C-alpha atoms as a PDB file:
ATOM      1  CA  MET A   1      -0.009   0.052   0.047  1.00  0.00           C
ATOM      2  CA  LEU A   2       2.884   2.391   0.747  1.00  0.00           C
ATOM      3  CA  ARG A   3       4.369   1.589  -2.675  1.00  0.00           C
ATOM      4  CA  ALA A   4       1.057   2.488  -4.362  1.00  0.00           C
ATOM      5  CA  PHE A   5       0.801   5.706  -2.337  1.00  0.00           C
ATOM      6  CA  ALA A   6       4.537   6.526  -3.301  1.00  0.00           C
ATOM      7  CA  PHE A   7       3.771   5.927  -7.025  1.00  0.00           C
ATOM      8  CA  SER A   8       0.660   8.069  -6.637  1.00  0.00           C
ATOM      9  CA  LEU A   9       2.520  10.793  -5.049  1.00  0.00           C
ATOM     10  CA  LEU A  10       5.187  10.652  -7.566  1.00  0.00           C
ATOM     11  CA  ALA A  11       2.678  11.051 -10.409  1.00  0.00           C
ATOM     12  CA  VAL A  12       1.190  14.096  -8.783  1.00  0.00           C
ATOM     13  CA  VAL A  13       4.583  15.649  -8.361  1.00  0.00           C
ATOM     14  CA  ARG A  14       5.391  15.073 -11.993  1.00  0.00           C
ATOM     15  CA  ALA A  15       2.225  16.329 -13.237  1.00  0.00           C
ATOM     16  CA  SER A  16       2.636  19.431 -11.147  1.00  0.00           C
ATOM     17  CA  SER A  17       6.240  19.982 -12.235  1.00  0.00           C
ATOM     18  CA  ALA A  18       5.341  19.951 -15.810  1.00  0.00           C
ATOM     19  CA  ALA A  19       3.047  23.077 -15.273  1.00  0.00           C
ATOM     20  CA  LYS A  20       3.984  26.176 -17.335  1.00  0.00           C
ATOM     21  CA  ILE A  21       4.218  29.285 -15.527  1.00  0.00           C
ATOM     22  CA  LEU A  22       4.354  32.890 -17.076  1.00  0.00           C
ATOM     23  CA  VAL A  23       6.090  35.635 -15.050  1.00  0.00           C
ATOM     24  CA  ILE A  24       5.715  39.379 -15.928  1.00  0.00           C
ATOM     25  CA  ALA A  25       7.935  41.813 -14.161  1.00  0.00           C
ATOM     26  CA  PRO A  26       7.868  45.077 -16.026  1.00  0.00           C
ATOM     27  CA  THR A  27       9.357  47.557 -13.723  1.00  0.00           C
ATOM     28  CA  PRO A  28      12.875  48.840 -14.841  1.00  0.00           C
ATOM     29  CA  SER A  29      14.497  48.739 -11.503  1.00  0.00           C
ATOM     30  CA  ILE A  30      16.732  45.959 -10.203  1.00  0.00           C
ATOM     31  CA  SER A  31      15.157  46.227  -6.674  1.00  0.00           C
ATOM     32  CA  HIS A  32      11.846  45.153  -8.295  1.00  0.00           C
ATOM     33  CA  GLN A  33      13.558  42.529 -10.469  1.00  0.00           C
ATOM     34  CA  LEU A  34      15.385  40.582  -7.787  1.00  0.00           C
ATOM     35  CA  PRO A  35      12.438  38.890  -5.976  1.00  0.00           C
ATOM     36  CA  PHE A  36      11.351  37.611  -9.390  1.00  0.00           C
ATOM     37  CA  HIS A  37      14.815  36.212 -10.035  1.00  0.00           C
ATOM     38  CA  ILE A  38      14.773  34.307  -6.679  1.00  0.00           C
ATOM     39  CA  LEU A  39      11.338  33.043  -7.177  1.00  0.00           C
ATOM     40  CA  SER A  40      11.936  32.006 -10.863  1.00  0.00           C
ATOM     41  CA  LYS A  41      15.069  30.046  -9.932  1.00  0.00           C
ATOM     42  CA  ALA A  42      13.153  28.237  -7.259  1.00  0.00           C
ATOM     43  CA  LEU A  43      10.285  27.246  -9.607  1.00  0.00           C
ATOM     44  CA  LEU A  44      12.922  26.081 -12.172  1.00  0.00           C
ATOM     45  CA  TRP A  45      14.608  24.080  -9.422  1.00  0.00           C
ATOM     46  CA  ARG A  46      11.184  22.452  -8.770  1.00  0.00           C
ATOM     47  CA  GLY A  47      10.928  21.365 -12.488  1.00  0.00           C
ATOM     48  CA  TYR A  48       8.396  23.976 -13.664  1.00  0.00           C
ATOM     49  CA  ARG A  49       8.626  25.431 -17.071  1.00  0.00           C
ATOM     50  CA  VAL A  50       9.123  29.252 -16.653  1.00  0.00           C
ATOM     51  CA  THR A  51       8.656  32.128 -19.102  1.00  0.00           C
ATOM     52  CA  ILE A  52       9.584  35.363 -17.852  1.00  0.00           C
ATOM     53  CA  LEU A  53       9.202  38.846 -19.186  1.00  0.00           C
ATOM     54  CA  MET A  54      11.718  41.162 -17.364  1.00  0.00           C
ATOM     55  CA  THR A  55      13.991  44.138 -17.500  1.00  0.00           C
ATOM     56  CA  ASP A  56      17.063  42.693 -15.885  1.00  0.00           C
ATOM     57  CA  SER A  57      18.210  39.245 -17.209  1.00  0.00           C
ATOM     58  CA  MET A  58      18.942  36.437 -14.873  1.00  0.00           C
ATOM     59  CA  LYS A  59      21.817  35.472 -17.206  1.00  0.00           C
ATOM     60  CA  ILE A  60      21.164  31.701 -16.808  1.00  0.00           C
ATOM     61  CA  SER A  61      20.740  28.758 -19.229  1.00  0.00           C
ATOM     62  CA  HIS A  62      18.196  26.151 -18.451  1.00  0.00           C
ATOM     63  CA  GLU A  63      16.146  23.812 -20.694  1.00  0.00           C
ATOM     64  CA  ASN A  64      12.936  24.908 -19.083  1.00  0.00           C
ATOM     65  CA  TYR A  65      13.642  28.556 -19.095  1.00  0.00           C
ATOM     66  CA  THR A  66      12.579  31.225 -21.619  1.00  0.00           C
ATOM     67  CA  GLU A  67      13.318  34.977 -21.154  1.00  0.00           C
ATOM     68  CA  ILE A  68      11.821  37.924 -22.875  1.00  0.00           C
ATOM     69  CA  ASP A  69      13.895  41.153 -22.707  1.00  0.00           C
ATOM     70  CA  LEU A  70      11.856  44.190 -21.401  1.00  0.00           C
ATOM     71  CA  SER A  71      15.074  46.392 -20.736  1.00  0.00           C
ATOM     72  CA  VAL A  72      14.015  49.130 -23.402  1.00  0.00           C
ATOM     73  CA  ALA A  73      12.148  50.538 -20.504  1.00  0.00           C
ATOM     74  CA  TYR A  74      15.393  51.661 -18.972  1.00  0.00           C
ATOM     75  CA  ARG A  75      16.062  54.175 -21.759  1.00  0.00           C
ATOM     76  CA  PRO A  76      13.929  57.043 -20.415  1.00  0.00           C
ATOM     77  CA  ILE A  77      14.974  56.490 -16.763  1.00  0.00           C
ATOM     78  CA  ARG A  78      18.593  56.682 -17.698  1.00  0.00           C
ATOM     79  CA  GLY A  79      18.312  59.482 -20.059  1.00  0.00           C
ATOM     80  CA  ASP A  80      15.397  61.825 -19.166  1.00  0.00           C
ATOM     81  CA  TYR A  81      14.787  61.572 -15.310  1.00  0.00           C
ATOM     82  CA  ASP A  82      16.862  63.495 -12.863  1.00  0.00           C
ATOM     83  CA  PHE A  83      16.419  61.812  -9.445  1.00  0.00           C
ATOM     84  CA  VAL A  84      18.036  64.616  -7.670  1.00  0.00           C
ATOM     85  CA  LYS A  85      15.392  66.928  -9.154  1.00  0.00           C
ATOM     86  CA  ILE A  86      12.606  64.522  -8.423  1.00  0.00           C
ATOM     87  CA  TYR A  87      13.784  64.582  -4.760  1.00  0.00           C
ATOM     88  CA  GLU A  88      13.033  68.452  -4.638  1.00  0.00           C
ATOM     89  CA  GLU A  89       9.478  67.784  -5.972  1.00  0.00           C
ATOM     90  CA  PRO A  90       6.545  67.448  -3.648  1.00  0.00           C
ATOM     91  CA  PRO A  91       5.367  63.932  -3.035  1.00  0.00           C
ATOM     92  CA  ILE A  92       2.315  64.202  -5.261  1.00  0.00           C
ATOM     93  CA  LYS A  93       4.319  65.272  -8.356  1.00  0.00           C
ATOM     94  CA  SER A  94       6.748  62.615  -7.499  1.00  0.00           C
ATOM     95  CA  MET A  95       3.910  60.000  -7.698  1.00  0.00           C
ATOM     96  CA  ASN A  96       2.791  61.460 -10.935  1.00  0.00           C
ATOM     97  CA  ILE A  97       6.337  61.102 -12.377  1.00  0.00           C
ATOM     98  CA  MET A  98       6.303  57.363 -11.475  1.00  0.00           C
ATOM     99  CA  GLN A  99       2.904  56.847 -13.123  1.00  0.00           C
ATOM    100  CA  GLY A 100       4.390  58.456 -16.315  1.00  0.00           C
ATOM    101  CA  VAL A 101       7.327  55.967 -16.066  1.00  0.00           C
ATOM    102  CA  VAL A 102       5.027  53.135 -15.694  1.00  0.00           C
ATOM    103  CA  GLY A 103       2.884  54.152 -18.732  1.00  0.00           C
ATOM    104  CA  TYR A 104       5.829  54.828 -20.885  1.00  0.00           C
ATOM    105  CA  SER A 105       7.580  51.572 -19.887  1.00  0.00           C
ATOM    106  CA  ALA A 106       4.457  49.607 -20.660  1.00  0.00           C
ATOM    107  CA  GLU A 107       3.996  51.180 -24.107  1.00  0.00           C
ATOM    108  CA  VAL A 108       7.598  50.599 -25.285  1.00  0.00           C
ATOM    109  CA  GLN A 109       7.738  47.048 -23.926  1.00  0.00           C
ATOM    110  CA  LEU A 110       4.515  45.951 -25.585  1.00  0.00           C
ATOM    111  CA  ASN A 111       5.722  47.457 -28.919  1.00  0.00           C
ATOM    112  CA  GLU A 112       8.959  45.346 -28.799  1.00  0.00           C
ATOM    113  CA  THR A 113       9.196  42.876 -31.591  1.00  0.00           C
ATOM    114  CA  SER A 114       9.946  39.947 -29.198  1.00  0.00           C
ATOM    115  CA  VAL A 115       6.877  40.859 -27.092  1.00  0.00           C
ATOM    116  CA  GLN A 116       4.754  41.090 -30.046  1.00  0.00           C
ATOM    117  CA  SER A 117       5.854  37.664 -31.279  1.00  0.00           C
ATOM    118  CA  PHE A 118       5.150  36.275 -27.879  1.00  0.00           C
ATOM    119  CA  ILE A 119       1.614  37.661 -27.777  1.00  0.00           C
ATOM    120  CA  ARG A 120       0.864  36.322 -31.196  1.00  0.00           C
ATOM    121  CA  SER A 121       1.981  32.714 -30.084  1.00  0.00           C
ATOM    122  CA  GLY A 122      -1.005  32.606 -27.711  1.00  0.00           C
ATOM    123  CA  GLU A 123       0.872  29.801 -25.841  1.00  0.00           C
ATOM    124  CA  PRO A 124      -1.289  28.585 -22.992  1.00  0.00           C
ATOM    125  CA  TYR A 125      -0.032  28.692 -19.433  1.00  0.00           C
ATOM    126  CA  ASP A 126      -1.112  27.177 -16.177  1.00  0.00           C
ATOM    127  CA  LEU A 127      -0.420  30.085 -14.031  1.00  0.00           C
ATOM    128  CA  GLU A 128       0.605  33.764 -14.453  1.00  0.00           C
ATOM    129  CA  ILE A 129       2.716  35.665 -11.838  1.00  0.00           C
ATOM    130  CA  LEU A 130       2.315  39.440 -12.313  1.00  0.00           C
ATOM    131  CA  GLU A 131       4.223  42.260 -10.545  1.00  0.00           C
ATOM    132  CA  GLY A 132       1.530  43.918  -8.394  1.00  0.00           C
ATOM    133  CA  PHE A 133       2.165  47.529  -9.572  1.00  0.00           C
ATOM    134  CA  ILE A 134       0.042  49.544 -11.668  1.00  0.00           C
ATOM    135  CA  TYR A 135       0.552  47.708 -14.895  1.00  0.00           C
ATOM    136  CA  VAL A 136      -3.248  47.127 -15.792  1.00  0.00           C
ATOM    137  CA  CYS A 137      -2.407  46.940 -19.582  1.00  0.00           C
ATOM    138  CA  TYR A 138      -0.693  43.497 -18.875  1.00  0.00           C
ATOM    139  CA  TYR A 139      -3.859  41.959 -17.652  1.00  0.00           C
ATOM    140  CA  GLY A 140      -4.873  41.596 -21.311  1.00  0.00           C
ATOM    141  CA  LEU A 141      -2.074  38.994 -21.686  1.00  0.00           C
ATOM    142  CA  VAL A 142      -4.061  36.593 -19.341  1.00  0.00           C
ATOM    143  CA  HIS A 143      -6.757  36.008 -21.980  1.00  0.00           C
ATOM    144  CA  LYS A 144      -4.116  35.697 -24.694  1.00  0.00           C
ATOM    145  CA  MET A 145      -2.318  33.025 -22.732  1.00  0.00           C
ATOM    146  CA  GLY A 146      -5.211  30.707 -22.027  1.00  0.00           C
ATOM    147  CA  SER A 147      -6.795  32.604 -19.153  1.00  0.00           C
ATOM    148  CA  PRO A 148      -4.735  30.975 -16.329  1.00  0.00           C
ATOM    149  CA  PRO A 149      -5.047  31.917 -12.716  1.00  0.00           C
ATOM    150  CA  VAL A 150      -3.188  35.176 -11.863  1.00  0.00           C
ATOM    151  CA  VAL A 151      -1.102  35.523  -8.614  1.00  0.00           C
ATOM    152  CA  LYS A 152       0.206  39.141  -7.869  1.00  0.00           C
ATOM    153  CA  LEU A 153       3.751  39.505  -6.457  1.00  0.00           C
ATOM    154  CA  LEU A 154       4.128  42.769  -4.714  1.00  0.00           C
ATOM    155  CA  THR A 155       7.722  44.337  -4.590  1.00  0.00           C
ATOM    156  CA  LEU A 156       6.594  47.104  -2.407  1.00  0.00           C
ATOM    157  CA  THR A 157       3.344  48.287  -0.798  1.00  0.00           C
ATOM    158  CA  ALA A 158       0.765  48.289  -3.484  1.00  0.00           C
ATOM    159  CA  PRO A 159      -1.374  51.331  -4.488  1.00  0.00           C
ATOM    160  CA  SER A 160      -4.972  51.312  -3.309  1.00  0.00           C
ATOM    161  CA  SER A 161      -6.073  50.604  -6.919  1.00  0.00           C
ATOM    162  CA  VAL A 162      -4.252  47.132  -6.786  1.00  0.00           C
ATOM    163  CA  TYR A 163      -6.050  46.117  -3.622  1.00  0.00           C
ATOM    164  CA  TYR A 164      -9.453  47.312  -4.956  1.00  0.00           C
ATOM    165  CA  ASN A 165      -8.880  45.559  -8.281  1.00  0.00           C
ATOM    166  CA  PHE A 166      -8.413  42.247  -6.445  1.00  0.00           C
ATOM    167  CA  GLY A 167     -11.282  42.882  -3.895  1.00  0.00           C
ATOM    168  CA  SER A 168      -9.063  43.275  -0.933  1.00  0.00           C
ATOM    169  CA  ALA A 169     -10.072  45.638   2.041  1.00  0.00           C
ATOM    170  CA  MET A 170      -7.911  48.539   1.949  1.00  0.00           C
ATOM    171  CA  ASN A 171      -7.915  51.207   4.722  1.00  0.00           C
ATOM    172  CA  PRO A 172      -4.870  53.472   4.883  1.00  0.00           C
ATOM    173  CA  ALA A 173      -5.442  54.164   8.596  1.00  0.00           C
ATOM    174  CA  PHE A 174      -4.260  50.682   9.437  1.00  0.00           C
ATOM    175  CA  MET A 175      -2.517  49.235   6.421  1.00  0.00           C
ATOM    176  CA  PRO A 176       0.702  47.319   7.401  1.00  0.00           C
ATOM    177  CA  ASP A 177       4.012  48.536   6.270  1.00  0.00           C
ATOM    178  CA  MET A 178       5.814  46.206   3.919  1.00  0.00           C
ATOM    179  CA  TRP A 179       9.711  46.101   3.867  1.00  0.00           C
ATOM    180  CA  LEU A 180      10.920  43.916   1.113  1.00  0.00           C
ATOM    181  CA  GLY A 181      14.340  42.451  -0.085  1.00  0.00           C
ATOM    182  CA  SER A 182      27.001  42.736   4.572  1.00  0.00           C
ATOM    183  CA  SER A 183      28.271  45.588   5.983  1.00  0.00           C
ATOM    184  CA  LYS A 184      28.029  47.299   9.348  1.00  0.00           C
ATOM    185  CA  CYS A 185      25.707  49.915   7.959  1.00  0.00           C
ATOM    186  CA  ALA A 186      23.259  49.612   5.140  1.00  0.00           C
ATOM    187  CA  THR A 187      21.844  52.563   3.122  1.00  0.00           C
ATOM    188  CA  LEU A 188      18.076  52.834   2.363  1.00  0.00           C
ATOM    189  CA  HIS A 189      16.479  51.144  -0.626  1.00  0.00           C
ATOM    190  CA  TYR A 190      13.282  49.197  -0.183  1.00  0.00           C
ATOM    191  CA  SER A 191      14.854  46.006  -1.830  1.00  0.00           C
ATOM    192  CA  ARG A 192      17.504  46.017   0.887  1.00  0.00           C
ATOM    193  CA  LEU A 193      15.412  46.579   3.988  1.00  0.00           C
ATOM    194  CA  ASN A 194      14.442  42.973   4.424  1.00  0.00           C
ATOM    195  CA  LYS A 195      18.180  41.788   4.044  1.00  0.00           C
ATOM    196  CA  ALA A 196      19.300  44.471   6.525  1.00  0.00           C
ATOM    197  CA  THR A 197      16.576  43.340   8.985  1.00  0.00           C
ATOM    198  CA  TYR A 198      17.365  39.802   8.660  1.00  0.00           C
ATOM    199  CA  HIS A 199      20.941  40.307   9.339  1.00  0.00           C
ATOM    200  CA  ALA A 200      20.308  42.994  12.076  1.00  0.00           C
ATOM    201  CA  ILE A 201      22.251  45.867  10.338  1.00  0.00           C
ATOM    202  CA  PRO A 202      21.223  49.302  11.345  1.00  0.00           C
ATOM    203  CA  LEU A 203      20.352  51.686   8.540  1.00  0.00           C
ATOM    204  CA  LEU A 204      21.264  55.068   7.225  1.00  0.00           C
ATOM    205  CA  ALA A 205      18.252  56.238   5.204  1.00  0.00           C
ATOM    206  CA  ILE A 206      18.719  58.826   2.325  1.00  0.00           C
ATOM    207  CA  PRO A 207      15.334  58.858   0.522  1.00  0.00           C
ATOM    208  CA  PHE A 208      14.679  60.297  -2.844  1.00  0.00           C
ATOM    209  CA  PHE A 209      11.184  59.605  -4.076  1.00  0.00           C
ATOM    210  CA  GLY A 210       8.178  57.283  -3.898  1.00  0.00           C
ATOM    211  CA  ASP A 211       7.754  55.373  -0.621  1.00  0.00           C
ATOM    212  CA  GLN A 212      11.423  56.009   0.470  1.00  0.00           C
ATOM    213  CA  ALA A 213      10.558  58.833   2.733  1.00  0.00           C
ATOM    214  CA  HIS A 214       7.842  56.777   4.414  1.00  0.00           C
ATOM    215  CA  ASN A 215      10.423  53.982   4.936  1.00  0.00           C
ATOM    216  CA  ALA A 216      13.086  56.522   6.271  1.00  0.00           C
ATOM    217  CA  ALA A 217      10.461  57.629   8.772  1.00  0.00           C
ATOM    218  CA  LYS A 218       9.838  54.141   9.901  1.00  0.00           C
ATOM    219  CA  VAL A 219      13.484  53.472  10.359  1.00  0.00           C
ATOM    220  CA  ARG A 220      13.731  56.537  12.583  1.00  0.00           C
ATOM    221  CA  GLN A 221      10.521  55.833  14.493  1.00  0.00           C
ATOM    222  CA  SER A 222      11.751  52.187  15.206  1.00  0.00           C
ATOM    223  CA  GLY A 223      15.180  53.292  16.269  1.00  0.00           C
ATOM    224  CA  THR A 224      16.788  51.075  13.717  1.00  0.00           C
ATOM    225  CA  GLY A 225      18.779  53.873  11.862  1.00  0.00           C
ATOM    226  CA  VAL A 226      19.264  57.465  11.087  1.00  0.00           C
ATOM    227  CA  TRP A 227      17.237  59.481   8.460  1.00  0.00           C
ATOM    228  CA  LEU A 228      19.703  62.044   6.419  1.00  0.00           C
ATOM    229  CA  GLU A 229      18.025  64.260   3.861  1.00  0.00           C
ATOM    230  CA  TYR A 230      19.821  64.341   0.574  1.00  0.00           C
ATOM    231  CA  SER A 231      19.807  68.219   0.679  1.00  0.00           C
ATOM    232  CA  ASP A 232      21.943  67.887   3.911  1.00  0.00           C
ATOM    233  CA  VAL A 233      24.449  65.456   2.467  1.00  0.00           C
ATOM    234  CA  THR A 234      28.048  66.635   2.755  1.00  0.00           C
ATOM    235  CA  ASN A 235      31.271  64.804   3.503  1.00  0.00           C
ATOM    236  CA  ASP A 236      30.966  65.826   7.142  1.00  0.00           C
ATOM    237  CA  THR A 237      27.264  64.928   7.739  1.00  0.00           C
ATOM    238  CA  LEU A 238      27.529  61.547   5.843  1.00  0.00           C
ATOM    239  CA  LEU A 239      30.585  60.468   7.997  1.00  0.00           C
ATOM    240  CA  ARG A 240      29.026  61.863  11.069  1.00  0.00           C
ATOM    241  CA  ASP A 241      25.782  59.810  10.489  1.00  0.00           C
ATOM    242  CA  ILE A 242      27.685  56.682   9.481  1.00  0.00           C
ATOM    243  CA  ARG A 243      29.835  56.804  12.657  1.00  0.00           C
ATOM    244  CA  THR A 244      26.538  57.361  14.726  1.00  0.00           C
ATOM    245  CA  VAL A 245      24.909  54.265  13.260  1.00  0.00           C
ATOM    246  CA  VAL A 246      27.881  52.164  13.571  1.00  0.00           C
ATOM    247  CA  HIS A 247      29.183  53.076  16.931  1.00  0.00           C
ATOM    248  CA  ASP A 248      25.989  53.934  18.862  1.00  0.00           C
ATOM    249  CA  SER A 249      24.746  50.510  20.301  1.00  0.00           C
ATOM    250  CA  LYS A 250      21.164  51.493  20.610  1.00  0.00           C
ATOM    251  CA  TYR A 251      20.666  51.207  16.711  1.00  0.00           C
ATOM    252  CA  ARG A 252      22.027  47.666  16.602  1.00  0.00           C
ATOM    253  CA  ASP A 253      20.176  46.781  19.769  1.00  0.00           C
ATOM    254  CA  SER A 254      16.776  48.028  18.169  1.00  0.00           C
ATOM    255  CA  MET A 255      17.561  46.197  14.855  1.00  0.00           C
ATOM    256  CA  ARG A 256      18.466  43.015  16.731  1.00  0.00           C
ATOM    257  CA  THR A 257      15.010  43.105  18.461  1.00  0.00           C
ATOM    258  CA  LEU A 258      13.317  43.760  15.007  1.00  0.00           C
ATOM    259  CA  SER A 259      15.428  41.046  13.382  1.00  0.00           C
ATOM    260  CA  SER A 260      14.415  38.536  15.978  1.00  0.00           C
ATOM    261  CA  ILE A 261      10.795  39.270  15.195  1.00  0.00           C
ATOM    262  CA  PHE A 262      11.343  39.225  11.480  1.00  0.00           C
ATOM    263  CA  ARG A 263      13.044  35.802  11.655  1.00  0.00           C
ATOM    264  CA  GLU A 264      10.275  34.289  13.567  1.00  0.00           C
ATOM    265  CA  HIS A 265       8.639  32.164  10.905  1.00  0.00           C
ATOM    266  CA  ARG A 266       7.500  28.734  10.917  1.00  0.00           C
ATOM    267  CA  VAL A 267       8.788  28.138   7.270  1.00  0.00           C
ATOM    268  CA  ASP A 268      11.186  29.854   4.945  1.00  0.00           C
ATOM    269  CA  SER A 269       9.529  32.711   2.991  1.00  0.00           C
ATOM    270  CA  LEU A 270      10.597  31.380  -0.380  1.00  0.00           C
ATOM    271  CA  GLU A 271       9.215  27.970   0.476  1.00  0.00           C
ATOM    272  CA  ARG A 272       6.061  29.483   1.411  1.00  0.00           C
ATOM    273  CA  ALA A 273       5.682  31.421  -1.628  1.00  0.00           C
ATOM    274  CA  VAL A 274       6.264  28.382  -3.784  1.00  0.00           C
ATOM    275  CA  TRP A 275       3.998  26.343  -1.710  1.00  0.00           C
ATOM    276  CA  TRP A 276       1.181  28.850  -2.422  1.00  0.00           C
ATOM    277  CA  LEU A 277       1.973  28.862  -6.155  1.00  0.00           C
ATOM    278  CA  GLU A 278       1.705  25.145  -6.325  1.00  0.00           C
ATOM    279  CA  TYR A 279      -1.548  25.332  -4.227  1.00  0.00           C
ATOM    280  CA  VAL A 280      -2.979  27.660  -6.849  1.00  0.00           C
ATOM    281  CA  ILE A 281      -1.947  25.264  -9.612  1.00  0.00           C
ATOM    282  CA  ARG A 282      -3.283  22.135  -7.891  1.00  0.00           C
ATOM    283  CA  HIS A 283      -6.634  23.709  -7.098  1.00  0.00           C
ATOM    284  CA  LYS A 284      -7.114  25.303 -10.787  1.00  0.00           C
ATOM    285  CA  GLY A 285      -6.970  28.836  -9.495  1.00  0.00           C
ATOM    286  CA  ALA A 286      -8.226  28.230  -5.880  1.00  0.00           C
ATOM    287  CA  LEU A 287     -11.469  29.907  -6.689  1.00  0.00           C
ATOM    288  CA  HIS A 288     -12.625  29.171  -3.083  1.00  0.00           C
ATOM    289  CA  LEU A 289     -10.191  31.779  -1.845  1.00  0.00           C
ATOM    290  CA  ARG A 290     -11.282  34.422  -4.272  1.00  0.00           C
ATOM    291  CA  SER A 291     -12.726  37.356  -2.528  1.00  0.00           C
ATOM    292  CA  ALA A 292     -16.453  37.984  -2.650  1.00  0.00           C
ATOM    293  CA  ALA A 293     -15.685  41.615  -2.928  1.00  0.00           C
ATOM    294  CA  ILE A 294     -14.851  41.341  -6.500  1.00  0.00           C
ATOM    295  CA  ASP A 295     -18.443  40.775  -7.470  1.00  0.00           C
ATOM    296  CA  LEU A 296     -19.756  43.671  -5.587  1.00  0.00           C
ATOM    297  CA  HIS A 297     -20.487  47.103  -6.945  1.00  0.00           C
ATOM    298  CA  TRP A 298     -18.462  49.959  -5.684  1.00  0.00           C
ATOM    299  CA  TRP A 299     -21.315  51.056  -3.506  1.00  0.00           C
ATOM    300  CA  GLN A 300     -21.848  47.729  -1.982  1.00  0.00           C
ATOM    301  CA  ARG A 301     -18.185  47.441  -1.215  1.00  0.00           C
ATOM    302  CA  LEU A 302     -18.077  50.773   0.613  1.00  0.00           C
ATOM    303  CA  LEU A 303     -21.202  49.596   2.447  1.00  0.00           C
ATOM    304  CA  LEU A 304     -23.156  52.601   1.155  1.00  0.00           C
ATOM    305  CA  ASP A 305     -26.324  50.508   0.965  1.00  0.00           C
ATOM    306  CA  VAL A 306     -25.960  49.554   4.576  1.00  0.00           C
ATOM    307  CA  VAL A 307     -25.173  52.954   5.536  1.00  0.00           C
ATOM    308  CA  ALA A 308     -28.289  54.396   3.651  1.00  0.00           C
ATOM    309  CA  PHE A 309     -30.501  51.881   5.268  1.00  0.00           C
ATOM    310  CA  MET A 310     -29.272  52.852   8.736  1.00  0.00           C
ATOM    311  CA  LEU A 311     -29.764  56.455   7.960  1.00  0.00           C
ATOM    312  CA  VAL A 312     -33.390  55.705   6.841  1.00  0.00           C
ATOM    313  CA  VAL A 313     -34.034  53.777  10.028  1.00  0.00           C
ATOM    314  CA  ALA A 314     -32.602  56.601  12.139  1.00  0.00           C
ATOM    315  CA  ALA A 315     -34.595  59.146  10.286  1.00  0.00           C
ATOM    316  CA  ILE A 316     -37.796  57.056  10.769  1.00  0.00           C
ATOM    317  CA  ALA A 317     -36.933  56.705  14.512  1.00  0.00           C
ATOM    318  CA  VAL A 318     -36.333  60.404  14.900  1.00  0.00           C
ATOM    319  CA  TYR A 319     -39.517  61.161  13.025  1.00  0.00           C
ATOM    320  CA  LEU A 320     -41.553  58.900  15.308  1.00  0.00           C
ATOM    321  CA  MET A 321     -39.888  60.372  18.399  1.00  0.00           C
ATOM    322  CA  CYS A 322     -40.792  63.820  17.207  1.00  0.00           C
ATOM    323  CA  ILE A 323     -44.481  62.940  16.637  1.00  0.00           C
ATOM    324  CA  SER A 324     -44.672  61.223  19.956  1.00  0.00           C
ATOM    325  CA  PHE A 325     -42.958  64.018  21.776  1.00  0.00           C
ATOM    326  CA  ARG A 326     -45.396  66.515  20.153  1.00  0.00           C
ATOM    327  CA  ARG A 327     -48.397  64.280  21.064  1.00  0.00           C
ATOM    328  CA  LEU A 328     -47.140  64.110  24.586  1.00  0.00           C
ATOM    329  CA  VAL A 329     -46.811  67.870  24.883  1.00  0.00           C
ATOM    330  CA  GLN A 330     -50.291  68.437  23.380  1.00  0.00           C
ATOM    331  CA  LEU A 331     -51.702  65.962  25.815  1.00  0.00           C
ATOM    332  CA  LEU A 332     -49.965  67.651  28.880  1.00  0.00           C
ATOM    333  CA  LEU A 333     -51.187  71.021  27.624  1.00  0.00           C
ATOM    334  CA  GLY A 334     -54.727  69.614  27.288  1.00  0.00           C
ATOM    335  CA  TYR A 335     -54.624  68.447  30.891  1.00  0.00           C
ATOM    336  CA  LYS A 336     -53.388  71.758  32.132  1.00  0.00           C
ATOM    337  CA  SER A 337     -56.249  73.519  30.254  1.00  0.00           C
ATOM    338  CA  GLU A 338     -58.772  71.177  31.820  1.00  0.00           C
ATOM    339  CA  ASP A 339     -57.435  71.732  35.260  1.00  0.00           C
ATOM    340  CA  LYS A 340     -57.552  75.614  34.735  1.00  0.00           C
ATOM    341  CA  SER A 341     -61.248  75.452  33.606  1.00  0.00           C
END
């Protein structure tokens, strides 16, 4: 019986390992690309066939691996964008610039000859892993590739639109902060924060744009590092803050405390990610985990129908109370008139 079970298990593993996975990572930034590198290598090691659209090549050769180059999106970033100037812009304008980068990146990527050939191939896949940023145009590839289940991989805290698109509750008042990712001191970049936290390395945060100022504020608030504004950077201030972070034990102690919390996992993060991807494949998209909020109208998702009902009930209650109070006053006045007469 054990032999039969072993053969059955082996058959399931082989069938699962033959699954074809499409990975789309369009953001022209190595910090966004690294998580896809790590995950894709793990999937290849498990025997899956992986096709990945990405801006930074993994530079590997594997019989089950196909890579489609999206690095054309780097051209405007390296040529047109001055990140020092972006630092001086207000946060809202900085976010608008990021949206412009996303829109341009998607346009030039989708017009690439290799991408167009891939789209025309219409090759079906069993699973699609899509970067959880604002690349809505890539949703269309899902239908071109056999409408497989879609899993979003977030390389930083997602915009509210991403949460709403997938039917997730989103309230900025209590949304958790997400830090993704050796020397004695690490500089701030959201792809390095996990690594620094894991190894208990205090941080020197020099934010430029996007969520980096928020991350720097969290570093300072948690006591795990120092926030240095780019406009204040000189040889003296930089050396001063590096020495502070390296030699003041309170920063390393705070980071050690945070690191012990960060490391407290029952399983390895990569193993957990692969397990969930395999779970989605095994259960054909895991529709039982699909949020019911996806099928709701916006006014239902915001509970406006419930709020309207409660307001109507409250209005009726107030109306009835007013009528009752008026009748009571009239009744009391009537008794007083009778007493006087």
